[in-house]
Amino acid sequence: MQGFSHETVLLAEAVAQLVQDPDGVYVDATFGRGGHSRRILQQLSQAGSLIAIDKDWEAVTNAAALTSTDARFAIKQGSFADINNILQQAGVKKVQGVLADLGVSSPQLDDAGRGFSFIKDGPLDMRMDTQSGLSAAQWLARAEEREIAEVLKLYGEERHAKRIARAIVVARQEGVIDTTAKLARIVADANPSWEKHKHPATRAFQAIRIKVNNELADLERFLSQAAAMLVPGGRLVVISFHSLEDRMVKQFMRNLARGDAPPKGVPVREQDIVRSFRLVGKAIQPSDQEVAVNPRARSAVMRILERVSND
């Protein structure tokens, strides 16, 4: 995807937390444009290796140059929700670390043809993998009003979900909603209270993108599989960009770190509680300097989980 730049968020911080053993096997579960992968490879010895995964065929194509120049690197096309199967097919059962940088990459947002942006007009697609599943336009054309409202409220935390869903249904009776500009205009006109410094279609576009790509269900599957693959000392590093993702990651990591704690009120000594994982530090956010250079980083939150022993 030439002509589109991408600033990797929390690049140094994420890789420093991830790579604890330079000889280990690591996974970049969301290759994107390869910023994290390239930095990981810089930290690995010749004995180390990195497997990258991405849904987006354009990302996989862009990784070809790295694959051809570094024998320690391989990339697989697919969803990180299938990380277990992908690694098994590669002959890998356990790893020293897994990194996931969630959300949409800058090249995807900046390419109007991908349909992610409400700023640039283009086909209303929004699929990470353009070769499978329904596009946003196809889903909006057939979804019931109640389902659209539920998606807007649940995935976009949109206060005016019902009103916007009704406007979408009315609009599609008059013509096909097949471009980002059409959808953005429908949402903006139906939104009675615009948030300061935020486009009125922001939440709706986020919600529809999450629905089309099955993002939260995929994240849930990914987290459990990735944690299970870690060797003692191995780390799971996740960068989230909105509250729904971060809430899921935070709760998942806290639950694992809590261990097999007994029900409240049962007298068990702290040292007798079995814990196979621990939280590494507090959530990390980009510095003011990084946000100044890359405003899209402002909502990023990074959390780290480490396996301390086998189950």
Protein backbone atom coordinates (compact mmCIF):
# COMPACT_ATOMS: atom_id res chain seq x y z
CA MET A 1 0.00 0.00 0.00
CA GLN A 2 2.33 2.66 -1.24
CA GLY A 3 1.64 6.30 -0.52
CA PHE A 4 0.15 5.73 2.92
CA SER A 5 2.29 6.25 6.01
CA HIS A 6 1.87 4.56 9.36
CA GLU A 7 3.22 5.59 12.75
CA THR A 8 3.50 2.55 14.99
CA VAL A 9 2.02 3.32 18.40
CA LEU A 10 4.05 2.59 21.57
CA LEU A 11 6.73 1.00 19.41
CA ALA A 12 9.69 1.00 21.78
CA GLU A 13 7.60 0.41 24.89
CA ALA A 14 5.72 -2.58 23.47
CA VAL A 15 8.79 -4.38 22.16
CA ALA A 16 10.76 -3.73 25.35
CA GLN A 17 7.98 -5.35 27.39
CA LEU A 18 7.53 -8.22 24.94
CA VAL A 19 11.04 -9.48 24.23
CA GLN A 20 12.51 -10.97 27.40
CA ASP A 21 14.42 -13.80 25.69
CA PRO A 22 16.28 -12.88 22.47
CA ASP A 23 16.46 -16.57 21.51
CA GLY A 24 12.68 -17.07 21.79
CA VAL A 25 9.77 -17.53 19.40
CA TYR A 26 7.44 -14.53 19.20
CA VAL A 27 4.16 -13.69 17.51
CA ASP A 28 3.07 -10.34 16.11
CA ALA A 29 -0.63 -11.14 15.90
CA THR A 30 -1.51 -7.93 14.03
CA PHE A 31 1.29 -7.24 11.53
CA GLY A 32 -0.29 -4.13 10.00
CA ARG A 33 2.57 -2.38 8.24
CA GLY A 34 5.26 -4.15 10.24
CA GLY A 35 6.53 -1.49 12.61
CA HIS A 36 6.44 -3.72 15.66
CA SER A 37 7.71 -6.75 13.73
CA ARG A 38 10.78 -4.93 12.49
CA ARG A 39 11.63 -3.69 15.97
CA ILE A 40 11.11 -7.18 17.43
CA LEU A 41 13.50 -8.67 14.88
CA GLN A 42 16.11 -6.07 15.88
CA GLN A 43 15.91 -7.36 19.46
CA LEU A 44 16.16 -11.06 18.57
CA SER A 45 19.31 -13.13 18.21
CA GLN A 46 19.92 -15.31 15.17
CA ALA A 47 18.34 -18.16 17.16
CA GLY A 48 15.11 -16.21 17.69
CA SER A 49 12.15 -16.16 15.33
CA LEU A 50 8.97 -14.19 14.67
CA ILE A 51 5.67 -15.28 13.18
CA ALA A 52 3.29 -12.52 12.10
CA ILE A 53 -0.45 -12.76 11.41
CA ASP A 54 -2.82 -10.40 9.62
CA LYS A 55 -6.32 -10.60 8.13
CA ASP A 56 -5.51 -7.99 5.52
CA TRP A 57 -4.08 -9.41 2.28
CA GLU A 58 -2.47 -6.04 1.54
CA ALA A 59 -0.56 -6.27 4.83
CA VAL A 60 0.57 -9.79 3.97
CA THR A 61 1.70 -8.61 0.54
CA ASN A 62 3.64 -5.74 2.10
CA ALA A 63 5.42 -8.24 4.36
CA ALA A 64 6.94 -10.05 1.38
CA ALA A 65 10.08 -7.91 1.41
CA LEU A 66 10.72 -8.70 5.07
CA THR A 67 10.08 -12.41 4.49
CA SER A 68 12.61 -12.49 1.67
CA THR A 69 15.36 -10.70 3.60
CA ASP A 70 15.10 -12.25 7.07
CA ALA A 71 14.92 -16.02 7.52
CA ARG A 72 13.76 -15.56 11.12
CA PHE A 73 10.47 -14.05 9.94
CA ALA A 74 7.31 -15.61 8.50
CA ILE A 75 3.80 -14.23 7.98
CA LYS A 76 0.44 -15.99 7.82
CA GLN A 77 -2.81 -14.59 6.47
CA GLY A 78 -5.75 -15.05 8.82
CA SER A 79 -7.46 -13.85 11.96
CA PHE A 80 -5.58 -13.74 15.24
CA ALA A 81 -8.62 -15.51 16.66
CA ASP A 82 -7.22 -18.60 14.93
CA ILE A 83 -3.73 -18.16 16.41
CA ASN A 84 -3.72 -21.67 17.84
CA ASN A 85 -4.40 -23.34 14.48
CA ILE A 86 -2.07 -20.99 12.62
CA LEU A 87 0.85 -21.75 14.92
CA GLN A 88 0.12 -25.48 15.01
CA GLN A 89 0.27 -25.54 11.21
CA ALA A 90 3.65 -23.81 11.50
CA GLY A 91 4.82 -26.48 13.95
CA VAL A 92 4.83 -24.12 16.94
CA LYS A 93 3.19 -25.10 20.24
CA LYS A 94 4.66 -22.65 22.76
CA VAL A 95 6.03 -19.12 22.43
CA GLN A 96 7.95 -16.58 24.51
CA GLY A 97 5.64 -13.71 23.66
CA VAL A 98 2.59 -12.49 21.74
CA LEU A 99 1.86 -8.89 20.74
CA ALA A 100 -1.47 -7.54 19.48
CA ASP A 101 -1.96 -3.95 18.29
CA LEU A 102 -5.74 -3.74 17.91
CA GLY A 103 -7.83 -1.55 15.67
CA VAL A 104 -7.37 -0.14 12.19
CA SER A 105 -3.99 0.85 10.80
CA SER A 106 -3.36 4.33 9.40
CA PRO A 107 -3.02 3.06 5.81
CA GLN A 108 -6.41 1.39 6.10
CA LEU A 109 -7.97 4.60 7.43
CA ASP A 110 -6.23 6.81 4.87
CA ASP A 111 -7.16 4.64 1.87
CA ALA A 112 -10.67 5.79 0.92
CA GLY A 113 -11.12 2.58 -1.05
CA ARG A 114 -11.21 0.52 2.16
CA GLY A 115 -14.28 2.31 3.48
CA PHE A 116 -13.14 2.82 7.07
CA SER A 117 -13.08 6.61 7.09
CA PHE A 118 -15.98 9.03 7.38
CA ILE A 119 -13.64 11.83 6.30
CA LYS A 120 -12.79 10.50 2.83
CA ASP A 121 -15.51 9.28 0.49
CA GLY A 122 -15.19 5.74 -0.79
CA PRO A 123 -16.99 2.40 -1.08
CA LEU A 124 -18.65 1.40 2.20
CA ASP A 125 -16.65 -1.77 2.84
CA MET A 126 -14.85 -1.73 6.25
CA ARG A 127 -13.66 -5.36 6.03
CA MET A 128 -10.15 -6.15 7.23
CA ASP A 129 -10.21 -9.18 4.94
CA THR A 130 -11.83 -7.94 1.73
CA GLN A 131 -12.10 -11.48 0.38
CA SER A 132 -14.56 -12.81 2.94
CA GLY A 133 -17.69 -11.83 4.82
CA LEU A 134 -20.25 -9.09 4.29
CA SER A 135 -19.16 -5.53 3.61
CA ALA A 136 -20.63 -2.73 5.73
CA ALA A 137 -22.88 -1.76 2.81
CA GLN A 138 -24.17 -5.34 2.46
CA TRP A 139 -24.82 -5.66 6.18
CA LEU A 140 -26.65 -2.31 6.39
CA ALA A 141 -28.78 -3.27 3.39
CA ARG A 142 -30.20 -6.37 5.07
CA ALA A 143 -29.98 -5.85 8.85
CA GLU A 144 -33.19 -5.14 10.74
CA GLU A 145 -33.60 -1.76 12.39
CA ARG A 146 -33.45 -3.29 15.87
CA GLU A 147 -30.16 -5.08 15.09
CA ILE A 148 -28.59 -1.89 13.73
CA ALA A 149 -29.63 0.00 16.87
CA GLU A 150 -28.21 -2.74 19.10
CA VAL A 151 -24.88 -2.70 17.26
CA LEU A 152 -24.62 1.09 17.45
CA LYS A 153 -25.37 1.07 21.18
CA LEU A 154 -23.25 -1.95 22.16
CA TYR A 155 -20.18 -1.46 19.96
CA GLY A 156 -20.25 2.31 19.51
CA GLU A 157 -21.75 3.30 22.86
CA GLU A 158 -23.92 5.62 20.77
CA ARG A 159 -26.58 7.41 22.84
CA HIS A 160 -28.76 8.06 19.81
CA ALA A 161 -28.59 4.51 18.45
CA LYS A 162 -32.32 4.07 17.86
CA ARG A 163 -32.69 7.41 16.14
CA ILE A 164 -29.71 6.78 13.85
CA ALA A 165 -30.85 3.23 13.06
CA ARG A 166 -34.28 4.56 12.05
CA ALA A 167 -32.62 7.14 9.77
CA ILE A 168 -30.52 4.43 8.11
CA VAL A 169 -33.57 2.25 7.43
CA VAL A 170 -35.52 5.19 6.00
CA ALA A 171 -32.57 6.22 3.83
CA ARG A 172 -32.00 2.77 2.37
CA GLN A 173 -35.62 2.67 1.20
CA GLU A 174 -34.82 5.68 -0.94
CA GLY A 175 -31.51 4.39 -2.30
CA VAL A 176 -28.53 2.14 -1.64
CA ILE A 177 -26.15 3.27 1.12
CA ASP A 178 -22.95 2.26 -0.61
CA THR A 179 -20.41 4.99 0.18
CA THR A 180 -18.87 6.33 3.37
CA ALA A 181 -20.02 9.86 2.55
CA LYS A 182 -23.66 8.74 2.28
CA LEU A 183 -23.55 6.95 5.63
CA ALA A 184 -21.69 9.77 7.37
CA ARG A 185 -24.27 12.29 6.16
CA ILE A 186 -27.21 10.12 7.28
CA VAL A 187 -25.69 9.67 10.74
CA ALA A 188 -24.74 13.33 11.11
CA ASP A 189 -28.24 14.50 10.13
CA ALA A 190 -29.82 12.06 12.62
CA ASN A 191 -27.49 12.93 15.50
CA PRO A 192 -29.08 15.68 17.64
CA SER A 193 -26.05 16.37 19.84
CA TRP A 194 -22.58 16.48 18.33
CA GLU A 195 -19.70 15.85 20.72
CA LYS A 196 -17.06 18.56 20.87
CA HIS A 197 -13.97 17.81 18.73
CA LYS A 198 -15.56 14.57 17.44
CA HIS A 199 -17.24 13.88 14.10
CA PRO A 200 -20.89 12.86 14.71
CA ALA A 201 -20.37 9.63 12.73
CA THR A 202 -17.37 8.48 14.79
CA ARG A 203 -19.23 6.11 17.08
CA ALA A 204 -21.46 4.70 14.34
CA PHE A 205 -18.50 3.93 12.06
CA GLN A 206 -16.64 2.28 14.94
CA ALA A 207 -19.67 0.14 15.80
CA ILE A 208 -20.31 -1.01 12.24
CA ARG A 209 -16.63 -1.80 11.70
CA ILE A 210 -16.54 -3.92 14.86
CA LYS A 211 -19.67 -5.77 13.74
CA VAL A 212 -18.48 -6.39 10.17
CA ASN A 213 -15.12 -7.73 11.36
CA ASN A 214 -16.43 -9.62 14.40
CA GLU A 215 -13.72 -7.82 16.37
CA LEU A 216 -14.77 -8.34 19.98
CA ALA A 217 -15.63 -12.03 19.57
CA ASP A 218 -12.30 -12.53 17.78
CA LEU A 219 -10.48 -10.68 20.56
CA GLU A 220 -12.03 -12.92 23.21
CA ARG A 221 -10.93 -16.07 21.34
CA PHE A 222 -7.46 -14.64 20.75
CA LEU A 223 -6.78 -13.71 24.36
CA SER A 224 -7.47 -17.16 25.78
CA GLN A 225 -5.48 -18.93 23.09
CA ALA A 226 -2.51 -16.56 23.27
CA ALA A 227 -2.21 -16.82 27.06
CA ALA A 228 -2.33 -20.62 26.88
CA MET A 229 0.61 -20.67 24.44
CA LEU A 230 3.02 -18.78 26.67
CA VAL A 231 5.97 -20.50 28.34
CA PRO A 232 6.86 -19.44 31.91
CA GLY A 233 8.35 -15.96 31.61
CA GLY A 234 6.46 -15.39 28.35
CA ARG A 235 4.36 -12.26 27.92
CA LEU A 236 1.15 -11.19 26.24
CA VAL A 237 1.22 -7.51 25.26
CA VAL A 238 -1.99 -5.89 24.00
CA ILE A 239 -2.53 -2.33 22.75
CA SER A 240 -6.18 -1.22 22.66
CA PHE A 241 -7.72 1.90 21.14
CA HIS A 242 -11.22 2.10 22.54
CA SER A 243 -12.90 1.39 25.84
CA LEU A 244 -14.69 -1.81 24.79
CA GLU A 245 -11.45 -3.51 23.77
CA ASP A 246 -9.50 -2.25 26.76
CA ARG A 247 -12.23 -3.30 29.18
CA MET A 248 -12.15 -6.82 27.76
CA VAL A 249 -8.35 -7.02 27.87
CA LYS A 250 -8.18 -5.58 31.39
CA GLN A 251 -10.78 -8.00 32.76
CA PHE A 252 -9.21 -11.01 31.05
CA MET A 253 -5.73 -10.26 32.38
CA ARG A 254 -6.99 -9.48 35.89
CA ASN A 255 -8.92 -12.73 36.05
CA LEU A 256 -5.89 -14.79 35.05
CA ALA A 257 -3.63 -12.91 37.46
CA ARG A 258 -6.12 -13.46 40.28
CA GLY A 259 -5.61 -17.20 39.91
CA ASP A 260 -7.68 -19.97 41.44
CA ALA A 261 -8.85 -17.85 44.32
CA PRO A 262 -11.55 -19.46 46.48
CA PRO A 263 -15.03 -17.94 46.92
CA LYS A 264 -15.15 -14.87 49.13
CA GLY A 265 -15.16 -15.76 52.81
CA VAL A 266 -13.37 -19.10 52.45
CA PRO A 267 -10.30 -19.10 54.76
CA VAL A 268 -7.32 -19.79 52.47
CA ARG A 269 -3.85 -18.38 52.98
CA GLU A 270 -2.50 -16.08 50.28
CA GLN A 271 0.51 -18.35 49.65
CA ASP A 272 -1.80 -21.29 49.00
CA ILE A 273 -3.59 -19.61 46.07
CA VAL A 274 -2.35 -21.01 42.75
CA ARG A 275 -1.44 -18.24 40.32
CA SER A 276 0.02 -19.01 36.90
CA PHE A 277 0.02 -15.41 35.64
CA ARG A 278 0.85 -11.93 36.88
CA LEU A 279 0.17 -8.41 35.68
CA VAL A 280 3.29 -6.52 34.64
CA GLY A 281 3.05 -2.95 35.92
CA LYS A 282 0.15 -0.63 35.27
CA ALA A 283 -1.47 0.25 31.96
CA ILE A 284 0.88 2.24 29.71
CA GLN A 285 -0.25 5.13 27.52
CA PRO A 286 1.64 7.14 24.88
CA SER A 287 3.69 10.09 26.02
CA ASP A 288 2.62 13.64 25.25
CA GLN A 289 5.47 13.78 22.74
CA GLU A 290 4.18 10.73 20.87
CA VAL A 291 0.63 12.07 20.78
CA ALA A 292 1.90 15.40 19.44
CA VAL A 293 3.61 13.58 16.57
CA ASN A 294 0.83 11.02 16.05
CA PRO A 295 -2.60 12.24 17.29
CA ARG A 296 -4.13 8.83 16.52
CA ALA A 297 -2.11 7.43 19.41
CA ARG A 298 -3.98 9.49 22.01
CA SER A 299 -6.49 6.75 22.91
CA ALA A 300 -3.99 3.86 23.03
CA VAL A 301 -3.68 1.77 26.21
CA MET A 302 -1.14 -1.04 26.58
CA ARG A 303 -1.45 -3.88 29.11
CA ILE A 304 0.99 -6.72 29.83
CA LEU A 305 0.40 -10.19 31.23
CA GLU A 306 3.18 -12.65 32.10
CA ARG A 307 2.98 -16.37 32.70
CA VAL A 308 4.93 -17.20 35.86
CA SER A 309 4.42 -20.97 35.92
CA ASN A 310 2.74 -23.81 34.10
CA ASP A 311 -0.76 -24.75 35.18
